[in-house]
Amino acid sequence: MGPIAEEVAGSFEGKSVRFVEFDFTTDESKKKALADAQALGVAGTYAKHAPQTGFALVYNTKTQKVVGKLNASKDAAAWTAKLNKDLGGA
């Protein structure tokens, strides 16, 4: 994850939020990303969006739905506000 995503992830520490990065750089990293998505139970969403880059999805594991999308940004406060909104205040 980039520095903004890492900063935002830190602000959600201790809450029911998990930040996962899928790396599409090499064939090996793509295989690992798919295996990680399968292990997390998000393989369908992964398949729909891979190998797109430059954004983060907000995924509700209870409903199995994407509830938000964060585009590449240099504004951690905007990401945090959007995540709080998408997650209902996490």
N, C-alpha and C. Protein backbone atom coordinates (compact mmCIF):
# COMPACT_ATOMS: atom_id res chain seq x y z
N MET A 1 0.85 -1.18 0.00
CA MET A 1 0.00 0.00 0.00
C MET A 1 0.89 1.23 0.00
N GLY A 2 0.39 2.28 -0.55
CA GLY A 2 1.13 3.53 -0.56
C GLY A 2 1.04 4.23 0.79
N PRO A 3 1.79 5.31 0.93
CA PRO A 3 1.83 6.00 2.22
C PRO A 3 0.48 6.54 2.69
N ILE A 4 -0.36 7.00 1.77
CA ILE A 4 -1.67 7.51 2.18
C ILE A 4 -2.53 6.37 2.70
N ALA A 5 -2.55 5.25 1.99
CA ALA A 5 -3.32 4.09 2.44
C ALA A 5 -2.82 3.58 3.78
N GLU A 6 -1.51 3.58 3.97
CA GLU A 6 -0.94 3.13 5.25
C GLU A 6 -1.34 4.07 6.38
N GLU A 7 -1.34 5.38 6.11
CA GLU A 7 -1.77 6.35 7.12
C GLU A 7 -3.23 6.14 7.48
N VAL A 8 -4.06 5.95 6.47
CA VAL A 8 -5.49 5.73 6.70
C VAL A 8 -5.70 4.42 7.46
N ALA A 9 -4.99 3.38 7.08
CA ALA A 9 -5.12 2.08 7.76
C ALA A 9 -4.80 2.23 9.25
N GLY A 10 -3.80 3.03 9.55
CA GLY A 10 -3.44 3.25 10.94
C GLY A 10 -4.56 3.89 11.75
N SER A 11 -5.35 4.73 11.11
CA SER A 11 -6.45 5.39 11.83
C SER A 11 -7.61 4.44 12.12
N PHE A 12 -7.62 3.27 11.49
CA PHE A 12 -8.66 2.28 11.72
C PHE A 12 -8.18 1.10 12.57
N GLU A 13 -6.97 1.21 13.08
CA GLU A 13 -6.40 0.14 13.90
C GLU A 13 -7.32 -0.14 15.10
N GLY A 14 -7.56 -1.41 15.37
CA GLY A 14 -8.41 -1.80 16.49
C GLY A 14 -9.89 -1.84 16.15
N LYS A 15 -10.24 -1.47 14.92
CA LYS A 15 -11.63 -1.51 14.49
C LYS A 15 -11.82 -2.72 13.58
N SER A 16 -13.05 -3.03 13.26
CA SER A 16 -13.37 -4.18 12.41
C SER A 16 -13.14 -3.86 10.94
N VAL A 17 -11.92 -3.48 10.62
CA VAL A 17 -11.55 -3.11 9.26
C VAL A 17 -10.22 -3.78 8.94
N ARG A 18 -10.14 -4.36 7.76
CA ARG A 18 -8.90 -5.00 7.32
C ARG A 18 -8.49 -4.38 5.99
N PHE A 19 -7.23 -4.02 5.90
CA PHE A 19 -6.68 -3.48 4.66
C PHE A 19 -5.83 -4.56 4.02
N VAL A 20 -6.13 -4.88 2.77
CA VAL A 20 -5.42 -5.94 2.04
C VAL A 20 -4.96 -5.37 0.71
N GLU A 21 -3.72 -5.64 0.37
CA GLU A 21 -3.18 -5.18 -0.91
C GLU A 21 -2.97 -6.38 -1.82
N PHE A 22 -3.43 -6.27 -3.05
CA PHE A 22 -3.21 -7.30 -4.05
C PHE A 22 -2.20 -6.75 -5.06
N ASP A 23 -1.09 -7.43 -5.19
CA ASP A 23 0.02 -6.99 -6.04
C ASP A 23 -0.05 -7.71 -7.39
N PHE A 24 -0.12 -6.93 -8.47
CA PHE A 24 -0.20 -7.48 -9.81
C PHE A 24 1.09 -7.30 -10.60
N THR A 25 2.20 -7.08 -9.92
CA THR A 25 3.46 -6.74 -10.57
C THR A 25 4.04 -7.89 -11.39
N THR A 26 4.07 -9.08 -10.82
CA THR A 26 4.67 -10.23 -11.50
C THR A 26 3.68 -11.39 -11.54
N ASP A 27 4.00 -12.39 -12.34
CA ASP A 27 3.13 -13.58 -12.39
C ASP A 27 3.03 -14.22 -11.01
N GLU A 28 4.15 -14.28 -10.29
CA GLU A 28 4.15 -14.89 -8.96
C GLU A 28 3.30 -14.08 -7.99
N SER A 29 3.43 -12.75 -8.03
CA SER A 29 2.63 -11.92 -7.11
C SER A 29 1.14 -12.01 -7.46
N LYS A 30 0.83 -12.18 -8.75
CA LYS A 30 -0.57 -12.33 -9.15
C LYS A 30 -1.15 -13.64 -8.60
N LYS A 31 -0.35 -14.72 -8.64
CA LYS A 31 -0.80 -16.00 -8.09
C LYS A 31 -1.06 -15.88 -6.59
N LYS A 32 -0.14 -15.19 -5.91
CA LYS A 32 -0.30 -14.99 -4.46
C LYS A 32 -1.53 -14.14 -4.17
N ALA A 33 -1.75 -13.10 -4.97
CA ALA A 33 -2.91 -12.24 -4.78
C ALA A 33 -4.20 -13.04 -4.91
N LEU A 34 -4.27 -13.89 -5.92
CA LEU A 34 -5.46 -14.73 -6.11
C LEU A 34 -5.64 -15.67 -4.93
N ALA A 35 -4.56 -16.30 -4.48
CA ALA A 35 -4.65 -17.21 -3.33
C ALA A 35 -5.11 -16.47 -2.08
N ASP A 36 -4.59 -15.25 -1.89
CA ASP A 36 -5.00 -14.45 -0.74
C ASP A 36 -6.49 -14.09 -0.84
N ALA A 37 -6.94 -13.72 -2.03
CA ALA A 37 -8.35 -13.38 -2.23
C ALA A 37 -9.24 -14.59 -1.93
N GLN A 38 -8.81 -15.77 -2.37
CA GLN A 38 -9.58 -16.98 -2.10
C GLN A 38 -9.62 -17.26 -0.60
N ALA A 39 -8.50 -17.11 0.06
CA ALA A 39 -8.44 -17.37 1.50
C ALA A 39 -9.32 -16.40 2.29
N LEU A 40 -9.45 -15.18 1.78
CA LEU A 40 -10.28 -14.17 2.45
C LEU A 40 -11.75 -14.26 2.06
N GLY A 41 -12.07 -15.10 1.09
CA GLY A 41 -13.45 -15.25 0.65
C GLY A 41 -13.93 -14.14 -0.26
N VAL A 42 -12.99 -13.47 -0.94
CA VAL A 42 -13.36 -12.37 -1.83
C VAL A 42 -12.93 -12.64 -3.28
N ALA A 43 -12.79 -13.90 -3.65
CA ALA A 43 -12.29 -14.26 -4.98
C ALA A 43 -13.19 -13.73 -6.10
N GLY A 44 -14.49 -13.72 -5.91
CA GLY A 44 -15.38 -13.21 -6.94
C GLY A 44 -15.18 -11.73 -7.19
N THR A 45 -15.06 -10.97 -6.12
CA THR A 45 -14.81 -9.54 -6.25
C THR A 45 -13.43 -9.30 -6.84
N TYR A 46 -12.47 -10.08 -6.40
CA TYR A 46 -11.10 -9.98 -6.93
C TYR A 46 -11.12 -10.20 -8.45
N ALA A 47 -11.79 -11.26 -8.89
CA ALA A 47 -11.83 -11.59 -10.32
C ALA A 47 -12.49 -10.48 -11.14
N LYS A 48 -13.47 -9.83 -10.56
CA LYS A 48 -14.18 -8.76 -11.26
C LYS A 48 -13.29 -7.52 -11.45
N HIS A 49 -12.39 -7.26 -10.52
CA HIS A 49 -11.62 -6.02 -10.54
C HIS A 49 -10.14 -6.18 -10.90
N ALA A 50 -9.60 -7.38 -10.83
CA ALA A 50 -8.19 -7.59 -11.17
C ALA A 50 -7.99 -7.51 -12.67
N PRO A 51 -6.93 -7.02 -13.16
CA PRO A 51 -5.77 -6.43 -12.49
C PRO A 51 -5.80 -4.90 -12.49
N GLN A 52 -6.95 -4.30 -12.31
CA GLN A 52 -7.04 -2.84 -12.26
C GLN A 52 -6.25 -2.31 -11.07
N THR A 53 -5.73 -1.11 -11.18
CA THR A 53 -4.96 -0.51 -10.10
C THR A 53 -5.40 0.93 -9.89
N GLY A 54 -4.89 1.53 -8.82
CA GLY A 54 -5.13 2.94 -8.56
C GLY A 54 -6.36 3.22 -7.72
N PHE A 55 -6.90 2.21 -7.05
CA PHE A 55 -8.07 2.41 -6.21
C PHE A 55 -8.11 1.34 -5.14
N ALA A 56 -8.97 1.56 -4.17
CA ALA A 56 -9.22 0.58 -3.13
C ALA A 56 -10.72 0.35 -3.04
N LEU A 57 -11.11 -0.88 -2.84
CA LEU A 57 -12.52 -1.20 -2.66
C LEU A 57 -12.82 -1.35 -1.18
N VAL A 58 -14.01 -0.92 -0.79
CA VAL A 58 -14.50 -1.12 0.56
C VAL A 58 -15.50 -2.25 0.46
N TYR A 59 -15.19 -3.36 1.13
CA TYR A 59 -15.95 -4.60 0.96
C TYR A 59 -16.55 -5.03 2.29
N ASN A 60 -17.83 -5.31 2.31
CA ASN A 60 -18.51 -5.79 3.49
C ASN A 60 -18.55 -7.31 3.43
N THR A 61 -17.82 -7.96 4.31
CA THR A 61 -17.74 -9.42 4.27
C THR A 61 -19.05 -10.09 4.72
N LYS A 62 -19.87 -9.38 5.47
CA LYS A 62 -21.14 -9.96 5.89
C LYS A 62 -22.12 -10.04 4.73
N THR A 63 -22.18 -8.97 3.94
CA THR A 63 -23.12 -8.94 2.81
C THR A 63 -22.49 -9.42 1.51
N GLN A 64 -21.15 -9.58 1.52
CA GLN A 64 -20.40 -9.99 0.32
C GLN A 64 -20.55 -8.98 -0.81
N LYS A 65 -20.60 -7.69 -0.44
CA LYS A 65 -20.78 -6.64 -1.45
C LYS A 65 -19.74 -5.54 -1.29
N VAL A 66 -19.40 -4.92 -2.40
CA VAL A 66 -18.56 -3.73 -2.39
C VAL A 66 -19.47 -2.58 -1.96
N VAL A 67 -19.08 -1.86 -0.90
CA VAL A 67 -19.91 -0.77 -0.39
C VAL A 67 -19.30 0.60 -0.68
N GLY A 68 -18.12 0.60 -1.28
CA GLY A 68 -17.49 1.87 -1.62
C GLY A 68 -16.23 1.66 -2.42
N LYS A 69 -15.76 2.75 -3.01
CA LYS A 69 -14.54 2.70 -3.80
C LYS A 69 -13.75 3.98 -3.53
N LEU A 70 -12.48 3.82 -3.26
CA LEU A 70 -11.59 4.95 -3.01
C LEU A 70 -10.62 5.06 -4.16
N ASN A 71 -10.63 6.18 -4.84
CA ASN A 71 -9.70 6.40 -5.94
C ASN A 71 -8.38 6.91 -5.40
N ALA A 72 -7.33 6.73 -6.19
CA ALA A 72 -6.01 7.19 -5.80
C ALA A 72 -6.10 8.64 -5.33
N SER A 73 -5.48 8.92 -4.20
CA SER A 73 -5.58 10.25 -3.60
C SER A 73 -4.33 10.55 -2.80
N LYS A 74 -4.08 11.81 -2.60
CA LYS A 74 -3.01 12.24 -1.72
C LYS A 74 -3.59 12.87 -0.46
N ASP A 75 -4.89 12.66 -0.23
CA ASP A 75 -5.59 13.27 0.87
C ASP A 75 -6.10 12.20 1.84
N ALA A 76 -5.32 11.93 2.89
CA ALA A 76 -5.68 10.90 3.85
C ALA A 76 -6.98 11.23 4.57
N ALA A 77 -7.22 12.50 4.85
CA ALA A 77 -8.45 12.89 5.55
C ALA A 77 -9.68 12.58 4.70
N ALA A 78 -9.58 12.79 3.40
CA ALA A 78 -10.71 12.49 2.50
C ALA A 78 -10.97 10.99 2.46
N TRP A 79 -9.91 10.19 2.40
CA TRP A 79 -10.08 8.73 2.41
C TRP A 79 -10.71 8.27 3.72
N THR A 80 -10.23 8.81 4.82
CA THR A 80 -10.76 8.42 6.13
C THR A 80 -12.24 8.78 6.23
N ALA A 81 -12.61 9.97 5.80
CA ALA A 81 -14.02 10.38 5.83
C ALA A 81 -14.87 9.48 4.95
N LYS A 82 -14.40 9.16 3.75
CA LYS A 82 -15.15 8.30 2.83
C LYS A 82 -15.30 6.90 3.42
N LEU A 83 -14.22 6.37 4.00
CA LEU A 83 -14.30 5.04 4.63
C LEU A 83 -15.30 5.05 5.77
N ASN A 84 -15.24 6.05 6.62
CA ASN A 84 -16.20 6.13 7.73
C ASN A 84 -17.62 6.15 7.21
N LYS A 85 -17.86 6.90 6.13
CA LYS A 85 -19.20 6.97 5.54
C LYS A 85 -19.61 5.61 4.97
N ASP A 86 -18.71 5.00 4.17
CA ASP A 86 -19.03 3.72 3.53
C ASP A 86 -19.23 2.60 4.55
N LEU A 87 -18.52 2.69 5.65
CA LEU A 87 -18.58 1.63 6.68
C LEU A 87 -19.59 1.94 7.78
N GLY A 88 -20.29 3.03 7.64
CA GLY A 88 -21.27 3.37 8.64
C GLY A 88 -20.67 3.73 9.98
N GLY A 89 -19.47 4.33 9.94
CA GLY A 89 -18.82 4.77 11.17
C GLY A 89 -17.88 3.76 11.78
N ALA A 90 -17.73 2.60 11.14
CA ALA A 90 -16.85 1.52 11.62
C ALA A 90 -16.55 1.71 13.07
